[in-house]
């Protein structure tokens, strides 16, 4: 009796998924390390368990930043092509083990995503070119051929000037507030009964409450001793 073919599909039981992952993870990590040594290649294998716990496997001389940078240089078309090649090789491997795999289940959403990314990239490139063109108008207004563009630039400048004036006024108010607060704090730190200017008191020295006075300092220690 031959082995029963195992159809590769999502396990419905949560505990079953966790057990299967734990059993197969060790073998996958071992094969990845062996492959990096035998073929002298860069490998970065990142897996997340059903519970969300990450596992990272790097090659013998692999660096995660360099591997990601190398992958980022590939175009979406190259990524899709290499993924297809990997899935085809995976299909052959499963076929030898009497497992059934339909690679279209893995390619349907992926192909659509690549097309969407390509279209989005073209749209962003067009928008970027338009922005560069508009920015060139500010350094060379002679290129402008429509009065609407000039009016739009004028309105933009007026709005920017208004914002600068408002910010300038608010900044000036903040400086005045800080100066007043600093002056108040300095006066509060003076000793009791003293101010920033020297004070003196007058005493009458003639009888009859004449208007002639002599000025004496408040500090009694400054008076001559008899």
Foldseek 3Di string as FASTA:
>chain_A
DDDDADEDDDDPDPVVQQVVCVVCVVVVLVVQQVCCVVVVDWDWDWDAGSVGRIDIHTYPPHDPVVVVVVVVPDQLVVVLVVVVVVVVVVQVVSVVVNYHDDCCVVVVVSVVVSVVVVVVVVVVVVVVVVVVVLVVCVVPVVVDDDVVSVVVVVVVVVVVVVVVVVVVVVVVVVVVVVVVVVVVVVQVPDDPPDGPDFDWDWDDDDPPPDPDTDTDHPDPVPDDDD
